[in-house]
Full PDB file with SEQRES, HELIX, SHEET, SSBOND, CRYST1, ORIGX, SCALE, CONECT and MASTER records, all heavy atoms in Angstrom:
SEQRES   1 A   31  GLY VAL ALA PRO SER SER THR VAL ALA LEU LEU ARG VAL          
SEQRES   2 A   31  SER ASP ASP LEU ALA GLU ILE LEU THR LEU GLY ASP SER          
SEQRES   3 A   31  PRO VAL VAL VAL GLY                                          
SHEET    1 AA1 2 VAL A   8  VAL A  13  0                                        
SHEET    2 AA1 2 ALA A  18  LEU A  23 -1                                        
CRYST1    1.000    1.000    1.000  90.00  90.00  90.00 P 1           1          
ORIGX1      1.000000  0.000000  0.000000        0.00000                         
ORIGX2      0.000000  1.000000  0.000000        0.00000                         
ORIGX3      0.000000  0.000000  1.000000        0.00000                         
SCALE1      1.000000  0.000000  0.000000        0.00000                         
SCALE2      0.000000  1.000000  0.000000        0.00000                         
SCALE3      0.000000  0.000000  1.000000        0.00000                         
ATOM      1  N   GLY A   1       0.793  -1.211   0.005  1.00  0.00           N  
ATOM      2  CA  GLY A   1       0.003  -0.008  -0.007  1.00  0.00           C  
ATOM      3  C   GLY A   1       0.817   1.259   0.003  1.00  0.00           C  
ATOM      4  O   GLY A   1       0.335   2.333  -0.420  1.00  0.00           O  
ATOM      5  N   VAL A   2       2.063   1.200   0.431  1.00  0.00           N  
ATOM      6  CA  VAL A   2       2.952   2.355   0.420  1.00  0.00           C  
ATOM      7  C   VAL A   2       4.271   2.034  -0.265  1.00  0.00           C  
ATOM      8  O   VAL A   2       5.310   2.593   0.041  1.00  0.00           O  
ATOM      9  CB  VAL A   2       3.206   2.894   1.874  1.00  0.00           C  
ATOM     10  CG1 VAL A   2       1.949   3.508   2.435  1.00  0.00           C  
ATOM     11  CG2 VAL A   2       3.725   1.770   2.755  1.00  0.00           C  
ATOM     12  N   ALA A   3       4.206   1.090  -1.202  1.00  0.00           N  
ATOM     13  CA  ALA A   3       5.374   0.641  -1.907  1.00  0.00           C  
ATOM     14  C   ALA A   3       5.254   1.011  -3.376  1.00  0.00           C  
ATOM     15  O   ALA A   3       4.155   1.171  -3.888  1.00  0.00           O  
ATOM     16  CB  ALA A   3       5.552  -0.879  -1.763  1.00  0.00           C  
ATOM     17  N   PRO A   4       6.385   1.109  -4.070  1.00  0.00           N  
ATOM     18  CA  PRO A   4       6.319   1.294  -5.527  1.00  0.00           C  
ATOM     19  C   PRO A   4       5.709   0.046  -6.190  1.00  0.00           C  
ATOM     20  O   PRO A   4       5.605  -1.004  -5.560  1.00  0.00           O  
ATOM     21  CB  PRO A   4       7.778   1.445  -5.939  1.00  0.00           C  
ATOM     22  CG  PRO A   4       8.529   1.692  -4.710  1.00  0.00           C  
ATOM     23  CD  PRO A   4       7.759   1.051  -3.596  1.00  0.00           C  
ATOM     24  N   SER A   5       5.310   0.184  -7.445  1.00  0.00           N  
ATOM     25  CA  SER A   5       4.745  -0.958  -8.177  1.00  0.00           C  
ATOM     26  C   SER A   5       5.258  -0.901  -9.610  1.00  0.00           C  
ATOM     27  O   SER A   5       5.854   0.104 -10.047  1.00  0.00           O  
ATOM     28  CB  SER A   5       3.231  -0.927  -8.140  1.00  0.00           C  
ATOM     29  OG  SER A   5       2.729   0.251  -8.744  1.00  0.00           O  
ATOM     30  N   SER A   6       5.016  -1.967 -10.333  1.00  0.00           N  
ATOM     31  CA  SER A   6       5.483  -2.045 -11.703  1.00  0.00           C  
ATOM     32  C   SER A   6       4.609  -2.993 -12.547  1.00  0.00           C  
ATOM     33  O   SER A   6       4.124  -3.992 -12.002  1.00  0.00           O  
ATOM     34  CB  SER A   6       6.948  -2.537 -11.752  1.00  0.00           C  
ATOM     35  OG  SER A   6       7.395  -2.668 -13.097  1.00  0.00           O  
ATOM     36  N   THR A   7       4.405  -2.648 -13.789  1.00  0.00           N  
ATOM     37  CA  THR A   7       3.846  -3.616 -14.712  1.00  0.00           C  
ATOM     38  C   THR A   7       4.909  -4.652 -15.031  1.00  0.00           C  
ATOM     39  O   THR A   7       6.126  -4.423 -14.848  1.00  0.00           O  
ATOM     40  CB  THR A   7       3.380  -2.956 -16.014  1.00  0.00           C  
ATOM     41  OG1 THR A   7       4.517  -2.544 -16.785  1.00  0.00           O  
ATOM     42  CG2 THR A   7       2.495  -1.732 -15.754  1.00  0.00           C  
ATOM     43  N   VAL A   8       4.465  -5.802 -15.529  1.00  0.00           N  
ATOM     44  CA  VAL A   8       5.387  -6.875 -15.910  1.00  0.00           C  
ATOM     45  C   VAL A   8       4.922  -7.484 -17.216  1.00  0.00           C  
ATOM     46  O   VAL A   8       3.712  -7.810 -17.342  1.00  0.00           O  
ATOM     47  CB  VAL A   8       5.448  -7.979 -14.841  1.00  0.00           C  
ATOM     48  CG1 VAL A   8       6.401  -9.093 -15.259  1.00  0.00           C  
ATOM     49  CG2 VAL A   8       5.834  -7.425 -13.472  1.00  0.00           C  
ATOM     50  N   ALA A   9       5.798  -7.590 -18.187  1.00  0.00           N  
ATOM     51  CA  ALA A   9       5.518  -8.287 -19.419  1.00  0.00           C  
ATOM     52  C   ALA A   9       6.632  -9.253 -19.683  1.00  0.00           C  
ATOM     53  O   ALA A   9       7.803  -8.839 -19.807  1.00  0.00           O  
ATOM     54  CB  ALA A   9       5.371  -7.320 -20.589  1.00  0.00           C  
ATOM     55  N   LEU A  10       6.352 -10.544 -19.716  1.00  0.00           N  
ATOM     56  CA  LEU A  10       7.367 -11.571 -19.855  1.00  0.00           C  
ATOM     57  C   LEU A  10       7.127 -12.392 -21.102  1.00  0.00           C  
ATOM     58  O   LEU A  10       5.973 -12.729 -21.454  1.00  0.00           O  
ATOM     59  CB  LEU A  10       7.354 -12.536 -18.655  1.00  0.00           C  
ATOM     60  CG  LEU A  10       7.597 -11.924 -17.268  1.00  0.00           C  
ATOM     61  CD1 LEU A  10       7.525 -13.025 -16.211  1.00  0.00           C  
ATOM     62  CD2 LEU A  10       8.979 -11.262 -17.202  1.00  0.00           C  
ATOM     63  N   LEU A  11       8.207 -12.766 -21.771  1.00  0.00           N  
ATOM     64  CA  LEU A  11       8.172 -13.709 -22.881  1.00  0.00           C  
ATOM     65  C   LEU A  11       9.299 -14.718 -22.632  1.00  0.00           C  
ATOM     66  O   LEU A  11      10.444 -14.343 -22.429  1.00  0.00           O  
ATOM     67  CB  LEU A  11       8.419 -12.989 -24.210  1.00  0.00           C  
ATOM     68  CG  LEU A  11       8.738 -13.888 -25.416  1.00  0.00           C  
ATOM     69  CD1 LEU A  11       7.514 -14.732 -25.776  1.00  0.00           C  
ATOM     70  CD2 LEU A  11       9.222 -13.064 -26.603  1.00  0.00           C  
ATOM     71  N   ARG A  12       8.914 -15.981 -22.682  1.00  0.00           N  
ATOM     72  CA  ARG A  12       9.918 -17.058 -22.574  1.00  0.00           C  
ATOM     73  C   ARG A  12       9.711 -18.003 -23.761  1.00  0.00           C  
ATOM     74  O   ARG A  12       8.596 -18.501 -23.966  1.00  0.00           O  
ATOM     75  CB  ARG A  12       9.794 -17.837 -21.266  1.00  0.00           C  
ATOM     76  CG  ARG A  12      10.892 -18.893 -21.096  1.00  0.00           C  
ATOM     77  CD  ARG A  12      10.903 -19.475 -19.702  1.00  0.00           C  
ATOM     78  NE  ARG A  12       9.651 -20.181 -19.389  1.00  0.00           N  
ATOM     79  CZ  ARG A  12       9.353 -20.707 -18.194  1.00  0.00           C  
ATOM     80  NH1 ARG A  12      10.234 -20.642 -17.209  1.00  0.00           N  
ATOM     81  NH2 ARG A  12       8.201 -21.313 -18.008  1.00  0.00           N  
ATOM     82  N   VAL A  13      10.781 -18.248 -24.457  1.00  0.00           N  
ATOM     83  CA  VAL A  13      10.722 -19.077 -25.715  1.00  0.00           C  
ATOM     84  C   VAL A  13      11.539 -20.335 -25.469  1.00  0.00           C  
ATOM     85  O   VAL A  13      12.717 -20.270 -25.075  1.00  0.00           O  
ATOM     86  CB  VAL A  13      11.251 -18.314 -26.913  1.00  0.00           C  
ATOM     87  CG1 VAL A  13      11.228 -19.215 -28.137  1.00  0.00           C  
ATOM     88  CG2 VAL A  13      10.395 -17.069 -27.193  1.00  0.00           C  
ATOM     89  N   SER A  14      10.900 -21.479 -25.720  1.00  0.00           N  
ATOM     90  CA  SER A  14      11.603 -22.759 -25.686  1.00  0.00           C  
ATOM     91  C   SER A  14      11.571 -23.374 -27.062  1.00  0.00           C  
ATOM     92  O   SER A  14      11.124 -22.779 -28.034  1.00  0.00           O  
ATOM     93  CB  SER A  14      10.976 -23.700 -24.658  1.00  0.00           C  
ATOM     94  OG  SER A  14       9.605 -23.983 -25.018  1.00  0.00           O  
ATOM     95  N   ASP A  15      12.036 -24.627 -27.183  1.00  0.00           N  
ATOM     96  CA  ASP A  15      12.067 -25.263 -28.490  1.00  0.00           C  
ATOM     97  C   ASP A  15      10.680 -25.460 -29.099  1.00  0.00           C  
ATOM     98  O   ASP A  15      10.524 -25.468 -30.312  1.00  0.00           O  
ATOM     99  CB  ASP A  15      12.739 -26.645 -28.384  1.00  0.00           C  
ATOM    100  CG  ASP A  15      14.217 -26.541 -28.109  1.00  0.00           C  
ATOM    101  OD1 ASP A  15      14.793 -25.477 -28.386  1.00  0.00           O  
ATOM    102  OD2 ASP A  15      14.808 -27.514 -27.589  1.00  0.00           O  
ATOM    103  N   ASP A  16       9.669 -25.599 -28.239  1.00  0.00           N  
ATOM    104  CA  ASP A  16       8.321 -25.850 -28.774  1.00  0.00           C  
ATOM    105  C   ASP A  16       7.231 -24.917 -28.341  1.00  0.00           C  
ATOM    106  O   ASP A  16       6.093 -25.033 -28.725  1.00  0.00           O  
ATOM    107  CB  ASP A  16       7.908 -27.293 -28.375  1.00  0.00           C  
ATOM    108  CG  ASP A  16       7.946 -27.528 -26.872  1.00  0.00           C  
ATOM    109  OD1 ASP A  16       8.338 -26.601 -26.124  1.00  0.00           O  
ATOM    110  OD2 ASP A  16       7.574 -28.647 -26.449  1.00  0.00           O  
ATOM    111  N   LEU A  17       7.579 -23.894 -27.501  1.00  0.00           N  
ATOM    112  CA  LEU A  17       6.512 -23.057 -26.924  1.00  0.00           C  
ATOM    113  C   LEU A  17       7.000 -21.638 -26.737  1.00  0.00           C  
ATOM    114  O   LEU A  17       8.147 -21.389 -26.369  1.00  0.00           O  
ATOM    115  CB  LEU A  17       6.115 -23.655 -25.578  1.00  0.00           C  
ATOM    116  CG  LEU A  17       4.753 -23.313 -25.005  1.00  0.00           C  
ATOM    117  CD1 LEU A  17       3.667 -23.862 -25.920  1.00  0.00           C  
ATOM    118  CD2 LEU A  17       4.606 -23.918 -23.631  1.00  0.00           C  
ATOM    119  N   ALA A  18       6.078 -20.678 -26.980  1.00  0.00           N  
ATOM    120  CA  ALA A  18       6.295 -19.268 -26.623  1.00  0.00           C  
ATOM    121  C   ALA A  18       5.285 -18.947 -25.513  1.00  0.00           C  
ATOM    122  O   ALA A  18       4.083 -19.049 -25.704  1.00  0.00           O  
ATOM    123  CB  ALA A  18       6.050 -18.343 -27.823  1.00  0.00           C  
ATOM    124  N   GLU A  19       5.829 -18.641 -24.304  1.00  0.00           N  
ATOM    125  CA  GLU A  19       4.980 -18.382 -23.153  1.00  0.00           C  
ATOM    126  C   GLU A  19       4.986 -16.889 -22.834  1.00  0.00           C  
ATOM    127  O   GLU A  19       6.028 -16.240 -22.862  1.00  0.00           O  
ATOM    128  CB  GLU A  19       5.507 -19.145 -21.931  1.00  0.00           C  
ATOM    129  CG  GLU A  19       5.560 -20.670 -22.101  1.00  0.00           C  
ATOM    130  CD  GLU A  19       6.329 -21.297 -20.977  1.00  0.00           C  
ATOM    131  OE1 GLU A  19       5.694 -21.544 -19.944  1.00  0.00           O  
ATOM    132  OE2 GLU A  19       7.546 -21.491 -21.139  1.00  0.00           O  
ATOM    133  N   ILE A  20       3.791 -16.353 -22.484  1.00  0.00           N  
ATOM    134  CA  ILE A  20       3.622 -14.931 -22.280  1.00  0.00           C  
ATOM    135  C   ILE A  20       2.917 -14.707 -20.953  1.00  0.00           C  
ATOM    136  O   ILE A  20       1.975 -15.454 -20.600  1.00  0.00           O  
ATOM    137  CB  ILE A  20       2.835 -14.286 -23.426  1.00  0.00           C  
ATOM    138  CG1 ILE A  20       3.656 -14.321 -24.706  1.00  0.00           C  
ATOM    139  CG2 ILE A  20       2.403 -12.877 -23.116  1.00  0.00           C  
ATOM    140  CD1 ILE A  20       2.860 -14.208 -25.956  1.00  0.00           C  
ATOM    141  N   LEU A  21       3.368 -13.690 -20.245  1.00  0.00           N  
ATOM    142  CA  LEU A  21       2.680 -13.240 -19.016  1.00  0.00           C  
ATOM    143  C   LEU A  21       2.649 -11.729 -19.020  1.00  0.00           C  
ATOM    144  O   LEU A  21       3.659 -11.083 -19.325  1.00  0.00           O  
ATOM    145  CB  LEU A  21       3.388 -13.759 -17.772  1.00  0.00           C  
ATOM    146  CG  LEU A  21       2.830 -13.335 -16.412  1.00  0.00           C  
ATOM    147  CD1 LEU A  21       3.101 -14.418 -15.352  1.00  0.00           C  
ATOM    148  CD2 LEU A  21       3.422 -12.011 -15.917  1.00  0.00           C  
ATOM    149  N   THR A  22       1.518 -11.150 -18.711  1.00  0.00           N  
ATOM    150  CA  THR A  22       1.455  -9.702 -18.570  1.00  0.00           C  
ATOM    151  C   THR A  22       0.600  -9.329 -17.347  1.00  0.00           C  
ATOM    152  O   THR A  22      -0.447  -9.902 -17.088  1.00  0.00           O  
ATOM    153  CB  THR A  22       0.902  -9.010 -19.866  1.00  0.00           C  
ATOM    154  OG1 THR A  22       0.926  -7.591 -19.677  1.00  0.00           O  
ATOM    155  CG2 THR A  22      -0.497  -9.468 -20.166  1.00  0.00           C  
ATOM    156  N   LEU A  23       1.135  -8.408 -16.567  1.00  0.00           N  
ATOM    157  CA  LEU A  23       0.480  -7.924 -15.350  1.00  0.00           C  
ATOM    158  C   LEU A  23       0.549  -6.389 -15.404  1.00  0.00           C  
ATOM    159  O   LEU A  23       1.640  -5.825 -15.320  1.00  0.00           O  
ATOM    160  CB  LEU A  23       1.184  -8.468 -14.121  1.00  0.00           C  
ATOM    161  CG  LEU A  23       0.532  -8.209 -12.776  1.00  0.00           C  
ATOM    162  CD1 LEU A  23      -0.797  -8.909 -12.635  1.00  0.00           C  
ATOM    163  CD2 LEU A  23       1.472  -8.670 -11.627  1.00  0.00           C  
ATOM    164  N   GLY A  24      -0.591  -5.734 -15.574  1.00  0.00           N  
ATOM    165  CA  GLY A  24      -0.552  -4.300 -15.783  1.00  0.00           C  
ATOM    166  C   GLY A  24      -0.654  -3.993 -17.263  1.00  0.00           C  
ATOM    167  O   GLY A  24      -0.921  -4.850 -18.112  1.00  0.00           O  
ATOM    168  N   ASP A  25      -0.524  -2.687 -17.585  1.00  0.00           N  
ATOM    169  CA  ASP A  25      -0.927  -2.249 -18.948  1.00  0.00           C  
ATOM    170  C   ASP A  25       0.209  -2.162 -19.948  1.00  0.00           C  
ATOM    171  O   ASP A  25       0.214  -1.334 -20.850  1.00  0.00           O  
ATOM    172  CB  ASP A  25      -1.579  -0.836 -18.852  1.00  0.00           C  
ATOM    173  CG  ASP A  25      -0.704   0.181 -18.157  1.00  0.00           C  
ATOM    174  OD1 ASP A  25       0.484  -0.155 -17.851  1.00  0.00           O  
ATOM    175  OD2 ASP A  25      -1.201   1.297 -17.872  1.00  0.00           O  
ATOM    176  N   SER A  26       1.199  -3.097 -19.844  1.00  0.00           N  
ATOM    177  CA  SER A  26       2.197  -3.198 -20.892  1.00  0.00           C  
ATOM    178  C   SER A  26       1.808  -4.379 -21.811  1.00  0.00           C  
ATOM    179  O   SER A  26       1.884  -5.525 -21.415  1.00  0.00           O  
ATOM    180  CB  SER A  26       3.583  -3.504 -20.264  1.00  0.00           C  
ATOM    181  OG  SER A  26       4.051  -2.393 -19.535  1.00  0.00           O  
ATOM    182  N   PRO A  27       1.401  -4.094 -23.047  1.00  0.00           N  
ATOM    183  CA  PRO A  27       0.904  -5.130 -23.921  1.00  0.00           C  
ATOM    184  C   PRO A  27       2.004  -6.008 -24.517  1.00  0.00           C  
ATOM    185  O   PRO A  27       3.151  -5.576 -24.719  1.00  0.00           O  
ATOM    186  CB  PRO A  27       0.186  -4.336 -25.041  1.00  0.00           C  
ATOM    187  CG  PRO A  27       0.941  -3.034 -25.106  1.00  0.00           C  
ATOM    188  CD  PRO A  27       1.347  -2.738 -23.672  1.00  0.00           C  
ATOM    189  N   VAL A  28       1.635  -7.237 -24.817  1.00  0.00           N  
ATOM    190  CA  VAL A  28       2.495  -8.158 -25.567  1.00  0.00           C  
ATOM    191  C   VAL A  28       1.713  -8.538 -26.818  1.00  0.00           C  
ATOM    192  O   VAL A  28       0.572  -9.020 -26.744  1.00  0.00           O  
ATOM    193  CB  VAL A  28       2.845  -9.412 -24.753  1.00  0.00           C  
ATOM    194  CG1 VAL A  28       3.750 -10.340 -25.581  1.00  0.00           C  
ATOM    195  CG2 VAL A  28       3.538  -9.022 -23.453  1.00  0.00           C  
ATOM    196  N   VAL A  29       2.303  -8.320 -27.982  1.00  0.00           N  
ATOM    197  CA  VAL A  29       1.622  -8.570 -29.241  1.00  0.00           C  
ATOM    198  C   VAL A  29       2.286  -9.731 -29.960  1.00  0.00           C  
ATOM    199  O   VAL A  29       3.506  -9.749 -30.153  1.00  0.00           O  
ATOM    200  CB  VAL A  29       1.670  -7.305 -30.128  1.00  0.00           C  
ATOM    201  CG1 VAL A  29       0.804  -7.495 -31.389  1.00  0.00           C  
ATOM    202  CG2 VAL A  29       1.249  -6.044 -29.363  1.00  0.00           C  
ATOM    203  N   VAL A  30       1.475 -10.731 -30.338  1.00  0.00           N  
ATOM    204  CA  VAL A  30       1.986 -11.939 -30.909  1.00  0.00           C  
ATOM    205  C   VAL A  30       1.590 -12.010 -32.377  1.00  0.00           C  
ATOM    206  O   VAL A  30       0.390 -12.086 -32.717  1.00  0.00           O  
ATOM    207  CB  VAL A  30       1.445 -13.175 -30.180  1.00  0.00           C  
ATOM    208  CG1 VAL A  30       1.992 -14.447 -30.787  1.00  0.00           C  
ATOM    209  CG2 VAL A  30       1.781 -13.091 -28.668  1.00  0.00           C  
ATOM    210  N   GLY A  31       2.579 -11.952 -33.270  1.00  0.00           N  
ATOM    211  CA  GLY A  31       2.339 -12.105 -34.672  1.00  0.00           C  
ATOM    212  C   GLY A  31       2.202 -13.588 -35.046  1.00  0.00           C  
ATOM    213  O   GLY A  31       3.161 -14.352 -34.816  1.00  0.00           O  
TER     214      GLY A  31                                                      
MASTER        0    0    0    0    2    0    0    6  213    1    0    3          
END                                                                             
């Protein structure tokens, strides 16, 4: 409640999968 905060946008790519996580208003766009 009295701490800084941050959006998070993550991309992790493996041999067979692209994994995405977003928390907050930073978009991740997948072509």
